[in-house]
Amino acid sequence: NTASVAQLHVRVCDHGQGIGTRLL
């Protein structure tokens, strides 16, 4: 929401591909 991140997860086999960065 506008104040916090409650959950941010990326499928394990997709770590290191920029997906978490895009979401964050």
PDB file of all heavy atoms in Angstrom:
ATOM      1  N   ASN A   1       0.863  -1.169   0.000  1.00  0.00           N
ATOM      2  CA  ASN A   1       0.000   0.000   0.000  1.00  0.00           C
ATOM      3  C   ASN A   1       0.906   1.227   0.000  1.00  0.00           C
ATOM      4  O   ASN A   1       2.107   1.095  -0.216  1.00  0.00           O
ATOM      5  CB  ASN A   1      -1.001  -0.022   1.170  1.00  0.00           C
ATOM      6  CG  ASN A   1      -0.344  -0.078   2.523  1.00  0.00           C
ATOM      7  OD1 ASN A   1       0.773   0.398   2.715  1.00  0.00           O
ATOM      8  ND2 ASN A   1      -1.030  -0.663   3.493  1.00  0.00           N
ATOM      9  N   THR A   2       0.371   2.397   0.250  1.00  0.00           N
ATOM     10  CA  THR A   2       1.190   3.606   0.150  1.00  0.00           C
ATOM     11  C   THR A   2       2.201   3.738   1.282  1.00  0.00           C
ATOM     12  O   THR A   2       3.061   4.609   1.221  1.00  0.00           O
ATOM     13  CB  THR A   2       0.309   4.869   0.106  1.00  0.00           C
ATOM     14  OG1 THR A   2      -0.466   4.926   1.306  1.00  0.00           O
ATOM     15  CG2 THR A   2      -0.592   4.873  -1.119  1.00  0.00           C
ATOM     16  N   ALA A   3       2.126   2.874   2.285  1.00  0.00           N
ATOM     17  CA  ALA A   3       3.041   2.968   3.430  1.00  0.00           C
ATOM     18  C   ALA A   3       3.962   1.761   3.586  1.00  0.00           C
ATOM     19  O   ALA A   3       5.051   1.897   4.130  1.00  0.00           O
ATOM     20  CB  ALA A   3       2.253   3.166   4.722  1.00  0.00           C
ATOM     21  N   SER A   4       3.523   0.578   3.137  1.00  0.00           N
ATOM     22  CA  SER A   4       4.310  -0.616   3.453  1.00  0.00           C
ATOM     23  C   SER A   4       4.193  -1.706   2.397  1.00  0.00           C
ATOM     24  O   SER A   4       3.286  -1.703   1.574  1.00  0.00           O
ATOM     25  CB  SER A   4       3.880  -1.183   4.811  1.00  0.00           C
ATOM     26  OG  SER A   4       2.568  -1.692   4.733  1.00  0.00           O
ATOM     27  N   VAL A   5       5.130  -2.629   2.493  1.00  0.00           N
ATOM     28  CA  VAL A   5       5.127  -3.844   1.684  1.00  0.00           C
ATOM     29  C   VAL A   5       4.854  -4.997   2.642  1.00  0.00           C
ATOM     30  O   VAL A   5       5.639  -5.240   3.554  1.00  0.00           O
ATOM     31  CB  VAL A   5       6.474  -4.056   0.952  1.00  0.00           C
ATOM     32  CG1 VAL A   5       6.502  -5.400   0.238  1.00  0.00           C
ATOM     33  CG2 VAL A   5       6.746  -2.915  -0.014  1.00  0.00           C
ATOM     34  N   ALA A   6       3.747  -5.673   2.430  1.00  0.00           N
ATOM     35  CA  ALA A   6       3.402  -6.799   3.303  1.00  0.00           C
ATOM     36  C   ALA A   6       4.024  -8.103   2.801  1.00  0.00           C
ATOM     37  O   ALA A   6       4.434  -8.942   3.597  1.00  0.00           O
ATOM     38  CB  ALA A   6       1.883  -6.957   3.390  1.00  0.00           C
ATOM     39  N   GLN A   7       4.056  -8.265   1.485  1.00  0.00           N
ATOM     40  CA  GLN A   7       4.600  -9.489   0.899  1.00  0.00           C
ATOM     41  C   GLN A   7       5.304  -9.147  -0.398  1.00  0.00           C
ATOM     42  O   GLN A   7       4.762  -8.396  -1.225  1.00  0.00           O
ATOM     43  CB  GLN A   7       3.477 -10.498   0.595  1.00  0.00           C
ATOM     44  CG  GLN A   7       2.640 -10.912   1.778  1.00  0.00           C
ATOM     45  CD  GLN A   7       3.414 -11.714   2.802  1.00  0.00           C
ATOM     46  OE1 GLN A   7       4.339 -12.449   2.471  1.00  0.00           O
ATOM     47  NE2 GLN A   7       3.028 -11.576   4.061  1.00  0.00           N
ATOM     48  N   LEU A   8       6.483  -9.688  -0.591  1.00  0.00           N
ATOM     49  CA  LEU A   8       7.203  -9.611  -1.857  1.00  0.00           C
ATOM     50  C   LEU A   8       7.926 -10.937  -2.012  1.00  0.00           C
ATOM     51  O   LEU A   8       8.842 -11.256  -1.236  1.00  0.00           O
ATOM     52  CB  LEU A   8       8.202  -8.447  -1.879  1.00  0.00           C
ATOM     53  CG  LEU A   8       9.073  -8.333  -3.127  1.00  0.00           C
ATOM     54  CD1 LEU A   8       8.232  -8.223  -4.394  1.00  0.00           C
ATOM     55  CD2 LEU A   8      10.014  -7.150  -3.017  1.00  0.00           C
ATOM     56  N   HIS A   9       7.468 -11.719  -2.967  1.00  0.00           N
ATOM     57  CA  HIS A   9       8.052 -13.046  -3.185  1.00  0.00           C
ATOM     58  C   HIS A   9       8.236 -13.277  -4.675  1.00  0.00           C
ATOM     59  O   HIS A   9       7.405 -12.851  -5.480  1.00  0.00           O
ATOM     60  CB  HIS A   9       7.147 -14.150  -2.616  1.00  0.00           C
ATOM     61  CG  HIS A   9       7.014 -14.097  -1.137  1.00  0.00           C
ATOM     62  ND1 HIS A   9       7.963 -14.632  -0.301  1.00  0.00           N
ATOM     63  CD2 HIS A   9       6.071 -13.550  -0.335  1.00  0.00           C
ATOM     64  CE1 HIS A   9       7.594 -14.428   0.961  1.00  0.00           C
ATOM     65  NE2 HIS A   9       6.458 -13.763   0.952  1.00  0.00           N
ATOM     66  N   VAL A  10       9.294 -13.994  -5.015  1.00  0.00           N
ATOM     67  CA  VAL A  10       9.571 -14.394  -6.387  1.00  0.00           C
ATOM     68  C   VAL A  10       9.760 -15.897  -6.392  1.00  0.00           C
ATOM     69  O   VAL A  10      10.380 -16.458  -5.474  1.00  0.00           O
ATOM     70  CB  VAL A  10      10.830 -13.675  -6.930  1.00  0.00           C
ATOM     71  CG1 VAL A  10      11.227 -14.216  -8.300  1.00  0.00           C
ATOM     72  CG2 VAL A  10      10.599 -12.172  -6.995  1.00  0.00           C
ATOM     73  N   ARG A  11       9.216 -16.535  -7.414  1.00  0.00           N
ATOM     74  CA  ARG A  11       9.361 -17.983  -7.547  1.00  0.00           C
ATOM     75  C   ARG A  11      10.852 -18.329  -7.486  1.00  0.00           C
ATOM     76  O   ARG A  11      11.681 -17.683  -8.124  1.00  0.00           O
ATOM     77  CB  ARG A  11       8.742 -18.439  -8.871  1.00  0.00           C
ATOM     78  CG  ARG A  11       8.663 -19.928  -9.036  1.00  0.00           C
ATOM     79  CD  ARG A  11       7.829 -20.309 -10.230  1.00  0.00           C
ATOM     80  NE  ARG A  11       8.468 -19.874 -11.474  1.00  0.00           N
ATOM     81  CZ  ARG A  11       7.993 -20.138 -12.685  1.00  0.00           C
ATOM     82  NH1 ARG A  11       6.858 -20.814 -12.825  1.00  0.00           N
ATOM     83  NH2 ARG A  11       8.639 -19.712 -13.755  1.00  0.00           N
ATOM     84  N   VAL A  12      11.191 -19.328  -6.702  1.00  0.00           N
ATOM     85  CA  VAL A  12      12.584 -19.655  -6.401  1.00  0.00           C
ATOM     86  C   VAL A  12      13.424 -19.824  -7.674  1.00  0.00           C
ATOM     87  O   VAL A  12      14.524 -19.282  -7.772  1.00  0.00           O
ATOM     88  CB  VAL A  12      12.679 -20.904  -5.499  1.00  0.00           C
ATOM     89  CG1 VAL A  12      14.122 -21.333  -5.296  1.00  0.00           C
ATOM     90  CG2 VAL A  12      11.998 -20.638  -4.150  1.00  0.00           C
ATOM     91  N   CYS A  13      12.918 -20.520  -8.660  1.00  0.00           N
ATOM     92  CA  CYS A  13      13.715 -20.746  -9.873  1.00  0.00           C
ATOM     93  C   CYS A  13      13.861 -19.482 -10.713  1.00  0.00           C
ATOM     94  O   CYS A  13      14.626 -19.473 -11.686  1.00  0.00           O
ATOM     95  CB  CYS A  13      13.137 -21.887 -10.706  1.00  0.00           C
ATOM     96  SG  CYS A  13      11.503 -21.565 -11.378  1.00  0.00           S
ATOM     97  N   ASP A  14      13.184 -18.391 -10.325  1.00  0.00           N
ATOM     98  CA  ASP A  14      13.274 -17.127 -11.064  1.00  0.00           C
ATOM     99  C   ASP A  14      14.021 -16.047 -10.291  1.00  0.00           C
ATOM    100  O   ASP A  14      14.010 -14.878 -10.696  1.00  0.00           O
ATOM    101  CB  ASP A  14      11.875 -16.637 -11.435  1.00  0.00           C
ATOM    102  CG  ASP A  14      11.231 -17.526 -12.473  1.00  0.00           C
ATOM    103  OD1 ASP A  14      11.776 -17.621 -13.583  1.00  0.00           O
ATOM    104  OD2 ASP A  14      10.192 -18.149 -12.167  1.00  0.00           O
ATOM    105  N   HIS A  15      14.669 -16.403  -9.186  1.00  0.00           N
ATOM    106  CA  HIS A  15      15.470 -15.422  -8.454  1.00  0.00           C
ATOM    107  C   HIS A  15      16.581 -14.897  -9.354  1.00  0.00           C
ATOM    108  O   HIS A  15      17.108 -15.614 -10.194  1.00  0.00           O
ATOM    109  CB  HIS A  15      16.097 -16.053  -7.199  1.00  0.00           C
ATOM    110  CG  HIS A  15      15.132 -16.249  -6.083  1.00  0.00           C
ATOM    111  ND1 HIS A  15      15.507 -16.754  -4.873  1.00  0.00           N
ATOM    112  CD2 HIS A  15      13.811 -15.998  -5.981  1.00  0.00           C
ATOM    113  CE1 HIS A  15      14.460 -16.822  -4.066  1.00  0.00           C
ATOM    114  NE2 HIS A  15      13.411 -16.368  -4.733  1.00  0.00           N
ATOM    115  N   GLY A  16      16.954 -13.641  -9.129  1.00  0.00           N
ATOM    116  CA  GLY A  16      18.082 -13.050  -9.830  1.00  0.00           C
ATOM    117  C   GLY A  16      17.786 -12.600 -11.247  1.00  0.00           C
ATOM    118  O   GLY A  16      18.711 -12.277 -11.995  1.00  0.00           O
ATOM    119  N   GLN A  17      16.513 -12.532 -11.629  1.00  0.00           N
ATOM    120  CA  GLN A  17      16.154 -12.143 -12.991  1.00  0.00           C
ATOM    121  C   GLN A  17      15.521 -10.756 -13.068  1.00  0.00           C
ATOM    122  O   GLN A  17      15.024 -10.370 -14.120  1.00  0.00           O
ATOM    123  CB  GLN A  17      15.225 -13.185 -13.600  1.00  0.00           C
ATOM    124  CG  GLN A  17      15.887 -14.532 -13.727  1.00  0.00           C
ATOM    125  CD  GLN A  17      14.983 -15.569 -14.363  1.00  0.00           C
ATOM    126  OE1 GLN A  17      14.041 -15.247 -15.077  1.00  0.00           O
ATOM    127  NE2 GLN A  17      15.262 -16.827 -14.097  1.00  0.00           N
ATOM    128  N   GLY A  18      15.498 -10.013 -11.960  1.00  0.00           N
ATOM    129  CA  GLY A  18      14.946  -8.660 -11.975  1.00  0.00           C
ATOM    130  C   GLY A  18      13.475  -8.555 -11.648  1.00  0.00           C
ATOM    131  O   GLY A  18      12.926  -7.456 -11.627  1.00  0.00           O
ATOM    132  N   ILE A  19      12.824  -9.660 -11.383  1.00  0.00           N
ATOM    133  CA  ILE A  19      11.389  -9.640 -11.111  1.00  0.00           C
ATOM    134  C   ILE A  19      11.098  -8.956  -9.778  1.00  0.00           C
ATOM    135  O   ILE A  19      10.214  -8.102  -9.684  1.00  0.00           O
ATOM    136  CB  ILE A  19      10.812 -11.074 -11.142  1.00  0.00           C
ATOM    137  CG1 ILE A  19      10.981 -11.652 -12.552  1.00  0.00           C
ATOM    138  CG2 ILE A  19       9.347 -11.089 -10.712  1.00  0.00           C
ATOM    139  CD1 ILE A  19      10.784 -13.148 -12.644  1.00  0.00           C
ATOM    140  N   GLY A  20      11.851  -9.302  -8.743  1.00  0.00           N
ATOM    141  CA  GLY A  20      11.664  -8.660  -7.441  1.00  0.00           C
ATOM    142  C   GLY A  20      11.953  -7.172  -7.513  1.00  0.00           C
ATOM    143  O   GLY A  20      11.233  -6.361  -6.910  1.00  0.00           O
ATOM    144  N   THR A  21      12.966  -6.793  -8.269  1.00  0.00           N
ATOM    145  CA  THR A  21      13.287  -5.379  -8.437  1.00  0.00           C
ATOM    146  C   THR A  21      12.128  -4.651  -9.096  1.00  0.00           C
ATOM    147  O   THR A  21      11.732  -3.563  -8.661  1.00  0.00           O
ATOM    148  CB  THR A  21      14.573  -5.213  -9.270  1.00  0.00           C
ATOM    149  OG1 THR A  21      15.658  -5.779  -8.530  1.00  0.00           O
ATOM    150  CG2 THR A  21      14.866  -3.759  -9.580  1.00  0.00           C
ATOM    151  N   ARG A  22      11.573  -5.234 -10.144  1.00  0.00           N
ATOM    152  CA  ARG A  22      10.433  -4.619 -10.840  1.00  0.00           C
ATOM    153  C   ARG A  22       9.261  -4.428  -9.881  1.00  0.00           C
ATOM    154  O   ARG A  22       8.642  -3.358  -9.847  1.00  0.00           O
ATOM    155  CB  ARG A  22      10.029  -5.489 -12.026  1.00  0.00           C
ATOM    156  CG  ARG A  22       8.759  -5.077 -12.700  1.00  0.00           C
ATOM    157  CD  ARG A  22       8.909  -3.772 -13.444  1.00  0.00           C
ATOM    158  NE  ARG A  22       7.653  -3.445 -14.081  1.00  0.00           N
ATOM    159  CZ  ARG A  22       7.219  -2.225 -14.266  1.00  0.00           C
ATOM    160  NH1 ARG A  22       7.942  -1.209 -13.900  1.00  0.00           N
ATOM    161  NH2 ARG A  22       6.074  -2.018 -14.842  1.00  0.00           N
ATOM    162  N   LEU A  23       8.958  -5.439  -9.105  1.00  0.00           N
ATOM    163  CA  LEU A  23       7.833  -5.336  -8.167  1.00  0.00           C
ATOM    164  C   LEU A  23       8.113  -4.301  -7.083  1.00  0.00           C
ATOM    165  O   LEU A  23       7.245  -3.487  -6.747  1.00  0.00           O
ATOM    166  CB  LEU A  23       7.534  -6.712  -7.569  1.00  0.00           C
ATOM    167  CG  LEU A  23       6.999  -7.752  -8.557  1.00  0.00           C
ATOM    168  CD1 LEU A  23       6.922  -9.123  -7.891  1.00  0.00           C
ATOM    169  CD2 LEU A  23       5.654  -7.344  -9.125  1.00  0.00           C
ATOM    170  N   LEU A  24       9.318  -4.317  -6.529  1.00  0.00           N
ATOM    171  CA  LEU A  24       9.655  -3.356  -5.483  1.00  0.00           C
ATOM    172  C   LEU A  24       9.580  -1.926  -6.014  1.00  0.00           C
ATOM    173  O   LEU A  24       9.109  -1.020  -5.324  1.00  0.00           O
ATOM    174  CB  LEU A  24      11.030  -3.644  -4.900  1.00  0.00           C
ATOM    175  CG  LEU A  24      11.439  -2.774  -3.714  1.00  0.00           C
ATOM    176  CD1 LEU A  24      10.454  -2.915  -2.550  1.00  0.00           C
ATOM    177  CD2 LEU A  24      12.843  -3.111  -3.268  1.00  0.00           C
TER     178      LEU A  24
END
